[in-house]
């Protein structure tokens, strides 16, 4: 898996994503690559993505929006390689902070 996800940078630009989104997605893909111990994306399964996203929620203590950002970056990665992504509904999700109105 290359740093730019095998042409991912070009695909991001073809889809007219912002430069900020490009940097963010490539960063999440690089972190996932490290987590997956540099295994090729074709060898990874939905279970690996589930474990990573759960790891972010439980151990990385990321916010719900940060976890969603990582999730979208990984969906993009799998779209690049045209790999099927199984159902990810069982992933432990970070909880959104509930803001209660002040009295």
PDB file of N, CA and C in Angstrom:
ATOM      1  N   UNK A   1       0.858  -1.169   0.000  1.00  0.00           N
ATOM      2  CA  UNK A   1       0.000   0.000   0.000  1.00  0.00           C
ATOM      3  C   UNK A   1       0.901   1.227   0.000  1.00  0.00           C
ATOM      4  N   UNK A   2       0.818   2.021  -1.035  1.00  0.00           N
ATOM      5  CA  UNK A   2       1.637   3.216  -1.117  1.00  0.00           C
ATOM      6  C   UNK A   2       1.049   4.303  -0.233  1.00  0.00           C
ATOM      7  N   UNK A   3       1.870   5.302   0.078  1.00  0.00           N
ATOM      8  CA  UNK A   3       1.411   6.398   0.915  1.00  0.00           C
ATOM      9  C   UNK A   3       0.209   7.089   0.309  1.00  0.00           C
ATOM     10  N   UNK A   4       0.191   7.246  -1.018  1.00  0.00           N
ATOM     11  CA  UNK A   4      -0.950   7.921  -1.622  1.00  0.00           C
ATOM     12  C   UNK A   4      -2.029   6.926  -2.039  1.00  0.00           C
ATOM     13  N   UNK A   5      -2.008   5.739  -1.450  1.00  0.00           N
ATOM     14  CA  UNK A   5      -3.018   4.708  -1.684  1.00  0.00           C
ATOM     15  C   UNK A   5      -3.109   4.329  -3.151  1.00  0.00           C
ATOM     16  N   UNK A   6      -1.951   4.155  -3.778  1.00  0.00           N
ATOM     17  CA  UNK A   6      -1.917   3.664  -5.149  1.00  0.00           C
ATOM     18  C   UNK A   6      -2.655   4.551  -6.128  1.00  0.00           C
ATOM     19  N   UNK A   7      -2.371   5.821  -6.117  1.00  0.00           N
ATOM     20  CA  UNK A   7      -3.048   6.731  -7.030  1.00  0.00           C
ATOM     21  C   UNK A   7      -4.234   7.418  -6.394  1.00  0.00           C
ATOM     22  N   UNK A   8      -4.404   7.221  -5.113  1.00  0.00           N
ATOM     23  CA  UNK A   8      -5.518   7.831  -4.405  1.00  0.00           C
ATOM     24  C   UNK A   8      -5.526   9.344  -4.506  1.00  0.00           C
ATOM     25  N   UNK A   9      -4.330   9.942  -4.489  1.00  0.00           N
ATOM     26  CA  UNK A   9      -4.236  11.396  -4.583  1.00  0.00           C
ATOM     27  C   UNK A   9      -4.839  11.877  -5.896  1.00  0.00           C
ATOM     28  N   UNK A  10      -4.523  11.181  -6.981  1.00  0.00           N
ATOM     29  CA  UNK A  10      -5.079  11.565  -8.284  1.00  0.00           C
ATOM     30  C   UNK A  10      -6.592  11.377  -8.318  1.00  0.00           C
ATOM     31  N   UNK A  11      -7.069  10.293  -7.726  1.00  0.00           N
ATOM     32  CA  UNK A  11      -8.506  10.031  -7.708  1.00  0.00           C
ATOM     33  C   UNK A  11      -9.235  11.068  -6.866  1.00  0.00           C
ATOM     34  N   UNK A  12      -8.638  11.465  -5.762  1.00  0.00           N
ATOM     35  CA  UNK A  12      -9.235  12.513  -4.926  1.00  0.00           C
ATOM     36  C   UNK A  12      -9.355  13.799  -5.733  1.00  0.00           C
ATOM     37  N   UNK A  13      -8.323  14.122  -6.473  1.00  0.00           N
ATOM     38  CA  UNK A  13      -8.343  15.357  -7.269  1.00  0.00           C
ATOM     39  C   UNK A  13      -9.333  15.256  -8.425  1.00  0.00           C
ATOM     40  N   UNK A  14      -9.445  14.072  -9.021  1.00  0.00           N
ATOM     41  CA  UNK A  14     -10.431  13.882 -10.087  1.00  0.00           C
ATOM     42  C   UNK A  14     -11.859  14.078  -9.577  1.00  0.00           C
ATOM     43  N   UNK A  15     -12.071  13.730  -8.338  1.00  0.00           N
ATOM     44  CA  UNK A  15     -13.402  13.873  -7.736  1.00  0.00           C
ATOM     45  C   UNK A  15     -13.618  15.265  -7.153  1.00  0.00           C
ATOM     46  N   UNK A  16     -12.638  16.136  -7.324  1.00  0.00           N
ATOM     47  CA  UNK A  16     -12.718  17.527  -6.879  1.00  0.00           C
ATOM     48  C   UNK A  16     -12.898  17.672  -5.373  1.00  0.00           C
ATOM     49  N   UNK A  17     -12.270  16.784  -4.612  1.00  0.00           N
ATOM     50  CA  UNK A  17     -12.261  16.934  -3.158  1.00  0.00           C
ATOM     51  C   UNK A  17     -11.310  18.072  -2.823  1.00  0.00           C
ATOM     52  N   UNK A  18     -11.528  18.698  -1.690  1.00  0.00           N
ATOM     53  CA  UNK A  18     -10.662  19.804  -1.289  1.00  0.00           C
ATOM     54  C   UNK A  18      -9.274  19.294  -0.902  1.00  0.00           C
ATOM     55  N   UNK A  19      -8.317  20.195  -0.913  1.00  0.00           N
ATOM     56  CA  UNK A  19      -6.952  19.848  -0.516  1.00  0.00           C
ATOM     57  C   UNK A  19      -6.932  19.372   0.932  1.00  0.00           C
ATOM     58  N   UNK A  20      -7.755  19.986   1.761  1.00  0.00           N
ATOM     59  CA  UNK A  20      -7.854  19.589   3.162  1.00  0.00           C
ATOM     60  C   UNK A  20      -8.349  18.147   3.288  1.00  0.00           C
ATOM     61  N   UNK A  21      -9.349  17.786   2.502  1.00  0.00           N
ATOM     62  CA  UNK A  21      -9.872  16.416   2.519  1.00  0.00           C
ATOM     63  C   UNK A  21      -8.813  15.444   2.029  1.00  0.00           C
ATOM     64  N   UNK A  22      -8.092  15.832   0.995  1.00  0.00           N
ATOM     65  CA  UNK A  22      -7.015  14.988   0.468  1.00  0.00           C
ATOM     66  C   UNK A  22      -5.988  14.685   1.549  1.00  0.00           C
ATOM     67  N   UNK A  23      -5.523  15.722   2.223  1.00  0.00           N
ATOM     68  CA  UNK A  23      -4.515  15.535   3.275  1.00  0.00           C
ATOM     69  C   UNK A  23      -5.064  14.675   4.412  1.00  0.00           C
ATOM     70  N   UNK A  24      -6.303  14.936   4.793  1.00  0.00           N
ATOM     71  CA  UNK A  24      -6.923  14.199   5.893  1.00  0.00           C
ATOM     72  C   UNK A  24      -7.089  12.731   5.537  1.00  0.00           C
ATOM     73  N   UNK A  25      -7.636  12.441   4.362  1.00  0.00           N
ATOM     74  CA  UNK A  25      -7.841  11.050   3.949  1.00  0.00           C
ATOM     75  C   UNK A  25      -6.524  10.308   3.846  1.00  0.00           C
ATOM     76  N   UNK A  26      -5.528  10.937   3.237  1.00  0.00           N
ATOM     77  CA  UNK A  26      -4.234  10.271   3.098  1.00  0.00           C
ATOM     78  C   UNK A  26      -3.591  10.030   4.463  1.00  0.00           C
ATOM     79  N   UNK A  27      -3.824  10.937   5.393  1.00  0.00           N
ATOM     80  CA  UNK A  27      -3.322  10.741   6.756  1.00  0.00           C
ATOM     81  C   UNK A  27      -3.988   9.553   7.440  1.00  0.00           C
ATOM     82  N   UNK A  28      -5.318   9.449   7.322  1.00  0.00           N
ATOM     83  CA  UNK A  28      -6.028   8.319   7.924  1.00  0.00           C
ATOM     84  C   UNK A  28      -5.632   7.002   7.264  1.00  0.00           C
ATOM     85  N   UNK A  29      -5.448   7.023   5.961  1.00  0.00           N
ATOM     86  CA  UNK A  29      -5.039   5.808   5.253  1.00  0.00           C
ATOM     87  C   UNK A  29      -3.650   5.377   5.717  1.00  0.00           C
ATOM     88  N   UNK A  30      -2.752   6.345   5.925  1.00  0.00           N
ATOM     89  CA  UNK A  30      -1.398   6.025   6.413  1.00  0.00           C
ATOM     90  C   UNK A  30      -1.465   5.440   7.829  1.00  0.00           C
ATOM     91  N   UNK A  31      -2.326   6.002   8.696  1.00  0.00           N
ATOM     92  CA  UNK A  31      -2.458   5.465  10.060  1.00  0.00           C
ATOM     93  C   UNK A  31      -3.052   4.069  10.048  1.00  0.00           C
ATOM     94  N   UNK A  32      -4.009   3.840   9.161  1.00  0.00           N
ATOM     95  CA  UNK A  32      -4.594   2.505   9.047  1.00  0.00           C
ATOM     96  C   UNK A  32      -3.554   1.511   8.547  1.00  0.00           C
ATOM     97  N   UNK A  33      -2.725   1.967   7.616  1.00  0.00           N
ATOM     98  CA  UNK A  33      -1.647   1.130   7.086  1.00  0.00           C
ATOM     99  C   UNK A  33      -0.712   0.701   8.208  1.00  0.00           C
ATOM    100  N   UNK A  34      -0.363   1.641   9.078  1.00  0.00           N
ATOM    101  CA  UNK A  34       0.497   1.318  10.226  1.00  0.00           C
ATOM    102  C   UNK A  34      -0.198   0.328  11.143  1.00  0.00           C
ATOM    103  N   UNK A  35      -1.471   0.573  11.427  1.00  0.00           N
ATOM    104  CA  UNK A  35      -2.246  -0.314  12.292  1.00  0.00           C
ATOM    105  C   UNK A  35      -2.315  -1.724  11.702  1.00  0.00           C
ATOM    106  N   UNK A  36      -2.460  -1.808  10.384  1.00  0.00           N
ATOM    107  CA  UNK A  36      -2.576  -3.100   9.701  1.00  0.00           C
ATOM    108  C   UNK A  36      -1.215  -3.720   9.415  1.00  0.00           C
ATOM    109  N   UNK A  37      -0.170  -3.126   9.945  1.00  0.00           N
ATOM    110  CA  UNK A  37       1.194  -3.626   9.809  1.00  0.00           C
ATOM    111  C   UNK A  37       1.611  -3.796   8.350  1.00  0.00           C
ATOM    112  N   UNK A  38       1.274  -2.779   7.548  1.00  0.00           N
ATOM    113  CA  UNK A  38       1.680  -2.687   6.140  1.00  0.00           C
ATOM    114  C   UNK A  38       1.185  -3.826   5.248  1.00  0.00           C
ATOM    115  N   UNK A  39       0.126  -4.517   5.665  1.00  0.00           N
ATOM    116  CA  UNK A  39      -0.455  -5.540   4.777  1.00  0.00           C
ATOM    117  C   UNK A  39      -1.139  -4.847   3.601  1.00  0.00           C
ATOM    118  N   UNK A  40      -1.169  -5.502   2.471  1.00  0.00           N
ATOM    119  CA  UNK A  40      -1.803  -4.952   1.281  1.00  0.00           C
ATOM    120  C   UNK A  40      -3.308  -4.827   1.499  1.00  0.00           C
ATOM    121  N   UNK A  41      -3.932  -3.758   0.991  1.00  0.00           N
ATOM    122  CA  UNK A  41      -5.368  -3.558   1.197  1.00  0.00           C
ATOM    123  C   UNK A  41      -6.214  -4.714   0.666  1.00  0.00           C
ATOM    124  N   UNK A  42      -5.739  -5.359  -0.401  1.00  0.00           N
ATOM    125  CA  UNK A  42      -6.475  -6.478  -0.974  1.00  0.00           C
ATOM    126  C   UNK A  42      -6.550  -7.659  -0.004  1.00  0.00           C
ATOM    127  N   UNK A  43      -5.623  -7.726   0.951  1.00  0.00           N
ATOM    128  CA  UNK A  43      -5.595  -8.824   1.915  1.00  0.00           C
ATOM    129  C   UNK A  43      -6.386  -8.507   3.173  1.00  0.00           C
ATOM    130  N   UNK A  44      -6.777  -7.256   3.329  1.00  0.00           N
ATOM    131  CA  UNK A  44      -7.520  -6.847   4.514  1.00  0.00           C
ATOM    132  C   UNK A  44      -9.006  -7.089   4.300  1.00  0.00           C
ATOM    133  N   UNK A  45      -9.688  -7.305   5.391  1.00  0.00           N
ATOM    134  CA  UNK A  45     -11.121  -7.581   5.325  1.00  0.00           C
ATOM    135  C   UNK A  45     -11.875  -6.527   6.118  1.00  0.00           C
ATOM    136  N   UNK A  46     -13.189  -6.561   6.004  1.00  0.00           N
ATOM    137  CA  UNK A  46     -14.026  -5.625   6.751  1.00  0.00           C
ATOM    138  C   UNK A  46     -13.761  -5.746   8.241  1.00  0.00           C
ATOM    139  N   UNK A  47     -13.423  -6.936   8.706  1.00  0.00           N
ATOM    140  CA  UNK A  47     -13.149  -7.136  10.122  1.00  0.00           C
ATOM    141  C   UNK A  47     -11.945  -6.301  10.576  1.00  0.00           C
ATOM    142  N   UNK A  48     -10.951  -6.144   9.696  1.00  0.00           N
ATOM    143  CA  UNK A  48      -9.786  -5.313  10.024  1.00  0.00           C
ATOM    144  C   UNK A  48     -10.201  -3.848  10.182  1.00  0.00           C
ATOM    145  N   UNK A  49     -11.093  -3.395   9.315  1.00  0.00           N
ATOM    146  CA  UNK A  49     -11.599  -2.022   9.404  1.00  0.00           C
ATOM    147  C   UNK A  49     -12.408  -1.861  10.682  1.00  0.00           C
ATOM    148  N   UNK A  50     -13.255  -2.843  10.992  1.00  0.00           N
ATOM    149  CA  UNK A  50     -14.050  -2.800  12.225  1.00  0.00           C
ATOM    150  C   UNK A  50     -13.150  -2.695  13.449  1.00  0.00           C
ATOM    151  N   UNK A  51     -12.108  -3.515  13.480  1.00  0.00           N
ATOM    152  CA  UNK A  51     -11.192  -3.499  14.620  1.00  0.00           C
ATOM    153  C   UNK A  51     -10.492  -2.149  14.746  1.00  0.00           C
ATOM    154  N   UNK A  52     -10.105  -1.574  13.620  1.00  0.00           N
ATOM    155  CA  UNK A  52      -9.423  -0.279  13.657  1.00  0.00           C
ATOM    156  C   UNK A  52     -10.352   0.819  14.153  1.00  0.00           C
ATOM    157  N   UNK A  53     -11.560   0.866  13.625  1.00  0.00           N
ATOM    158  CA  UNK A  53     -12.507   1.903  14.043  1.00  0.00           C
ATOM    159  C   UNK A  53     -12.895   1.729  15.508  1.00  0.00           C
ATOM    160  N   UNK A  54     -13.028   0.486  15.952  1.00  0.00           N
ATOM    161  CA  UNK A  54     -13.313   0.218  17.363  1.00  0.00           C
ATOM    162  C   UNK A  54     -12.128   0.653  18.216  1.00  0.00           C
ATOM    163  N   UNK A  55     -10.922   0.361  17.744  1.00  0.00           N
ATOM    164  CA  UNK A  55      -9.705   0.782  18.441  1.00  0.00           C
ATOM    165  C   UNK A  55      -9.681   2.310  18.604  1.00  0.00           C
ATOM    166  N   UNK A  56     -10.057   3.022  17.549  1.00  0.00           N
ATOM    167  CA  UNK A  56     -10.077   4.482  17.633  1.00  0.00           C
ATOM    168  C   UNK A  56     -11.054   4.958  18.705  1.00  0.00           C
ATOM    169  N   UNK A  57     -12.225   4.333  18.747  1.00  0.00           N
ATOM    170  CA  UNK A  57     -13.257   4.756  19.696  1.00  0.00           C
ATOM    171  C   UNK A  57     -12.877   4.424  21.134  1.00  0.00           C
ATOM    172  N   UNK A  58     -12.352   3.226  21.349  1.00  0.00           N
ATOM    173  CA  UNK A  58     -12.087   2.769  22.711  1.00  0.00           C
ATOM    174  C   UNK A  58     -10.726   3.192  23.251  1.00  0.00           C
ATOM    175  N   UNK A  59      -9.707   3.082  22.426  1.00  0.00           N
ATOM    176  CA  UNK A  59      -8.353   3.343  22.904  1.00  0.00           C
ATOM    177  C   UNK A  59      -7.823   4.700  22.447  1.00  0.00           C
ATOM    178  N   UNK A  60      -8.208   5.101  21.246  1.00  0.00           N
ATOM    179  CA  UNK A  60      -7.774   6.398  20.745  1.00  0.00           C
ATOM    180  C   UNK A  60      -8.601   7.525  21.316  1.00  0.00           C
ATOM    181  N   UNK A  61      -9.756   7.176  21.874  1.00  0.00           N
ATOM    182  CA  UNK A  61     -10.664   8.135  22.497  1.00  0.00           C
ATOM    183  C   UNK A  61     -10.930   9.326  21.589  1.00  0.00           C
ATOM    184  N   UNK A  62     -11.219   9.031  20.314  1.00  0.00           N
ATOM    185  CA  UNK A  62     -11.508  10.087  19.349  1.00  0.00           C
ATOM    186  C   UNK A  62     -12.982  10.465  19.423  1.00  0.00           C
ATOM    187  N   UNK A  63     -13.295  11.627  18.938  1.00  0.00           N
ATOM    188  CA  UNK A  63     -14.677  12.069  18.908  1.00  0.00           C
ATOM    189  C   UNK A  63     -15.422  11.323  17.811  1.00  0.00           C
ATOM    190  N   UNK A  64     -16.735  11.405  17.858  1.00  0.00           N
ATOM    191  CA  UNK A  64     -17.553  10.730  16.848  1.00  0.00           C
ATOM    192  C   UNK A  64     -17.255  11.277  15.452  1.00  0.00           C
ATOM    193  N   UNK A  65     -17.078  12.586  15.342  1.00  0.00           N
ATOM    194  CA  UNK A  65     -16.812  13.160  14.024  1.00  0.00           C
ATOM    195  C   UNK A  65     -15.439  12.739  13.497  1.00  0.00           C
ATOM    196  N   UNK A  66     -14.461  12.586  14.381  1.00  0.00           N
ATOM    197  CA  UNK A  66     -13.134  12.124  13.971  1.00  0.00           C
ATOM    198  C   UNK A  66     -13.199  10.679  13.505  1.00  0.00           C
ATOM    199  N   UNK A  67     -13.951   9.854  14.226  1.00  0.00           N
ATOM    200  CA  UNK A  67     -14.100   8.461  13.827  1.00  0.00           C
ATOM    201  C   UNK A  67     -14.826   8.368  12.480  1.00  0.00           C
ATOM    202  N   UNK A  68     -15.823   9.199  12.277  1.00  0.00           N
ATOM    203  CA  UNK A  68     -16.535   9.213  10.999  1.00  0.00           C
ATOM    204  C   UNK A  68     -15.607   9.629   9.863  1.00  0.00           C
ATOM    205  N   UNK A  69     -14.725  10.552  10.144  1.00  0.00           N
ATOM    206  CA  UNK A  69     -13.755  10.989   9.149  1.00  0.00           C
ATOM    207  C   UNK A  69     -12.836   9.830   8.757  1.00  0.00           C
ATOM    208  N   UNK A  70     -12.351   9.087   9.750  1.00  0.00           N
ATOM    209  CA  UNK A  70     -11.506   7.922   9.482  1.00  0.00           C
ATOM    210  C   UNK A  70     -12.286   6.875   8.691  1.00  0.00           C
ATOM    211  N   UNK A  71     -13.533   6.658   9.077  1.00  0.00           N
ATOM    212  CA  UNK A  71     -14.397   5.693   8.393  1.00  0.00           C
ATOM    213  C   UNK A  71     -14.550   6.065   6.916  1.00  0.00           C
ATOM    214  N   UNK A  72     -14.809   7.338   6.636  1.00  0.00           N
ATOM    215  CA  UNK A  72     -14.975   7.780   5.250  1.00  0.00           C
ATOM    216  C   UNK A  72     -13.690   7.660   4.453  1.00  0.00           C
ATOM    217  N   UNK A  73     -12.564   7.912   5.094  1.00  0.00           N
ATOM    218  CA  UNK A  73     -11.273   7.754   4.412  1.00  0.00           C
ATOM    219  C   UNK A  73     -11.046   6.295   4.039  1.00  0.00           C
ATOM    220  N   UNK A  74     -11.408   5.378   4.935  1.00  0.00           N
ATOM    221  CA  UNK A  74     -11.222   3.954   4.646  1.00  0.00           C
ATOM    222  C   UNK A  74     -12.202   3.469   3.590  1.00  0.00           C
ATOM    223  N   UNK A  75     -13.414   4.007   3.593  1.00  0.00           N
ATOM    224  CA  UNK A  75     -14.350   3.671   2.511  1.00  0.00           C
ATOM    225  C   UNK A  75     -13.779   4.124   1.172  1.00  0.00           C
ATOM    226  N   UNK A  76     -13.164   5.292   1.164  1.00  0.00           N
ATOM    227  CA  UNK A  76     -12.520   5.797  -0.047  1.00  0.00           C
ATOM    228  C   UNK A  76     -11.401   4.866  -0.479  1.00  0.00           C
ATOM    229  N   UNK A  77     -10.589   4.417   0.479  1.00  0.00           N
ATOM    230  CA  UNK A  77      -9.493   3.488   0.177  1.00  0.00           C
ATOM    231  C   UNK A  77     -10.029   2.224  -0.491  1.00  0.00           C
ATOM    232  N   UNK A  78     -11.083   1.670   0.071  1.00  0.00           N
ATOM    233  CA  UNK A  78     -11.639   0.447  -0.491  1.00  0.00           C
ATOM    234  C   UNK A  78     -12.300   0.705  -1.833  1.00  0.00           C
ATOM    235  N   UNK A  79     -12.795   1.913  -2.055  1.00  0.00           N
ATOM    236  CA  UNK A  79     -13.349   2.279  -3.349  1.00  0.00           C
ATOM    237  C   UNK A  79     -12.247   2.334  -4.404  1.00  0.00           C
ATOM    238  N   UNK A  80     -11.072   2.830  -4.021  1.00  0.00           N
ATOM    239  CA  UNK A  80      -9.930   2.894  -4.937  1.00  0.00           C
ATOM    240  C   UNK A  80      -9.592   1.497  -5.458  1.00  0.00           C
ATOM    241  N   UNK A  81      -9.574   0.539  -4.548  1.00  0.00           N
ATOM    242  CA  UNK A  81      -9.197  -0.824  -4.916  1.00  0.00           C
ATOM    243  C   UNK A  81     -10.400  -1.659  -5.346  1.00  0.00           C
ATOM    244  N   UNK A  82     -11.552  -1.006  -5.461  1.00  0.00           N
ATOM    245  CA  UNK A  82     -12.814  -1.670  -5.819  1.00  0.00           C
ATOM    246  C   UNK A  82     -13.004  -2.985  -5.067  1.00  0.00           C
ATOM    247  N   UNK A  83     -12.802  -2.910  -3.762  1.00  0.00           N
ATOM    248  CA  UNK A  83     -12.990  -4.068  -2.900  1.00  0.00           C
ATOM    249  C   UNK A  83     -14.341  -3.957  -2.217  1.00  0.00           C
ATOM    250  N   UNK A  84     -14.966  -5.099  -1.993  1.00  0.00           N
ATOM    251  CA  UNK A  84     -16.244  -5.122  -1.302  1.00  0.00           C
ATOM    252  C   UNK A  84     -16.016  -4.884   0.182  1.00  0.00           C
ATOM    253  N   UNK A  85     -16.876  -4.074   0.755  1.00  0.00           N
ATOM    254  CA  UNK A  85     -16.825  -3.825   2.188  1.00  0.00           C
ATOM    255  C   UNK A  85     -18.085  -4.433   2.788  1.00  0.00           C
ATOM    256  N   UNK A  86     -17.876  -5.370   3.699  1.00  0.00           N
ATOM    257  CA  UNK A  86     -19.008  -6.019   4.355  1.00  0.00           C
ATOM    258  C   UNK A  86     -19.739  -5.019   5.241  1.00  0.00           C
ATOM    259  N   UNK A  87     -20.810  -5.482   5.823  1.00  0.00           N
ATOM    260  CA  UNK A  87     -21.605  -4.671   6.729  1.00  0.00           C
ATOM    261  C   UNK A  87     -20.760  -4.231   7.926  1.00  0.00           C
ATOM    262  N   UNK A  88     -20.736  -2.937   8.170  1.00  0.00           N
ATOM    263  CA  UNK A  88     -19.934  -2.397   9.268  1.00  0.00           C
ATOM    264  C   UNK A  88     -20.804  -1.864  10.405  1.00  0.00           C
ATOM    265  N   UNK A  89     -22.043  -2.329  10.492  1.00  0.00           N
ATOM    266  CA  UNK A  89     -22.946  -1.806  11.518  1.00  0.00           C
ATOM    267  C   UNK A  89     -22.553  -2.216  12.929  1.00  0.00           C
ATOM    268  N   UNK A  90     -21.765  -3.265  13.073  1.00  0.00           N
ATOM    269  CA  UNK A  90     -21.398  -3.719  14.418  1.00  0.00           C
ATOM    270  C   UNK A  90     -20.170  -3.009  14.981  1.00  0.00           C
ATOM    271  N   UNK A  91     -19.651  -2.026  14.272  1.00  0.00           N
ATOM    272  CA  UNK A  91     -18.480  -1.293  14.740  1.00  0.00           C
ATOM    273  C   UNK A  91     -18.857  -0.469  15.968  1.00  0.00           C
ATOM    274  N   UNK A  92     -18.017  -0.513  16.983  1.00  0.00           N
ATOM    275  CA  UNK A  92     -18.222   0.340  18.155  1.00  0.00           C
ATOM    276  C   UNK A  92     -17.965   1.768  17.727  1.00  0.00           C
ATOM    277  N   UNK A  93     -18.950   2.615  17.908  1.00  0.00           N
ATOM    278  CA  UNK A  93     -18.840   3.998  17.467  1.00  0.00           C
ATOM    279  C   UNK A  93     -18.580   4.915  18.654  1.00  0.00           C
ATOM    280  N   UNK A  94     -17.810   5.945  18.407  1.00  0.00           N
ATOM    281  CA  UNK A  94     -17.591   6.956  19.431  1.00  0.00           C
ATOM    282  C   UNK A  94     -18.926   7.658  19.677  1.00  0.00           C
ATOM    283  N   UNK A  95     -19.172   8.017  20.912  1.00  0.00           N
ATOM    284  CA  UNK A  95     -20.428   8.671  21.275  1.00  0.00           C
ATOM    285  C   UNK A  95     -20.324  10.172  21.020  1.00  0.00           C
ATOM    286  N   UNK A  96     -21.392  10.714  20.455  1.00  0.00           N
ATOM    287  CA  UNK A  96     -21.466  12.154  20.281  1.00  0.00           C
ATOM    288  C   UNK A  96     -21.735  12.800  21.622  1.00  0.00           C
ATOM    289  N   UNK A  97     -21.091  13.902  21.853  1.00  0.00           N
ATOM    290  CA  UNK A  97     -21.290  14.643  23.095  1.00  0.00           C
ATOM    291  C   UNK A  97     -22.671  15.302  23.038  1.00  0.00           C
ATOM    292  N   UNK A  98     -23.429  15.130  24.095  1.00  0.00           N
ATOM    293  CA  UNK A  98     -24.756  15.723  24.156  1.00  0.00           C
ATOM    294  C   UNK A  98     -24.650  17.041  24.897  1.00  0.00           C
ATOM    295  N   UNK A  99     -25.023  18.100  24.191  1.00  0.00           N
ATOM    296  CA  UNK A  99     -25.005  19.417  24.816  1.00  0.00           C
ATOM    297  C   UNK A  99     -26.400  19.739  25.326  1.00  0.00           C
ATOM    298  N   UNK A 100     -26.499  19.872  26.622  1.00  0.00           N
ATOM    299  CA  UNK A 100     -27.772  20.212  27.232  1.00  0.00           C
ATOM    300  C   UNK A 100     -27.905  21.723  27.303  1.00  0.00           C
ATOM    301  N   UNK A 101     -29.104  22.222  27.042  1.00  0.00           N
ATOM    302  CA  UNK A 101     -29.289  23.667  27.127  1.00  0.00           C
ATOM    303  C   UNK A 101     -29.108  24.165  28.556  1.00  0.00           C
ATOM    304  N   UNK A 102     -28.543  25.347  28.682  1.00  0.00           N
ATOM    305  CA  UNK A 102     -28.371  25.942  29.998  1.00  0.00           C
ATOM    306  C   UNK A 102     -29.690  26.520  30.465  1.00  0.00           C
ATOM    307  N   UNK A 103     -29.946  26.451  31.728  1.00  0.00           N
ATOM    308  CA  UNK A 103     -31.207  26.973  32.263  1.00  0.00           C
ATOM    309  C   UNK A 103     -31.222  28.468  32.313  1.00  0.00           C
TER     310      UNK A 103
END
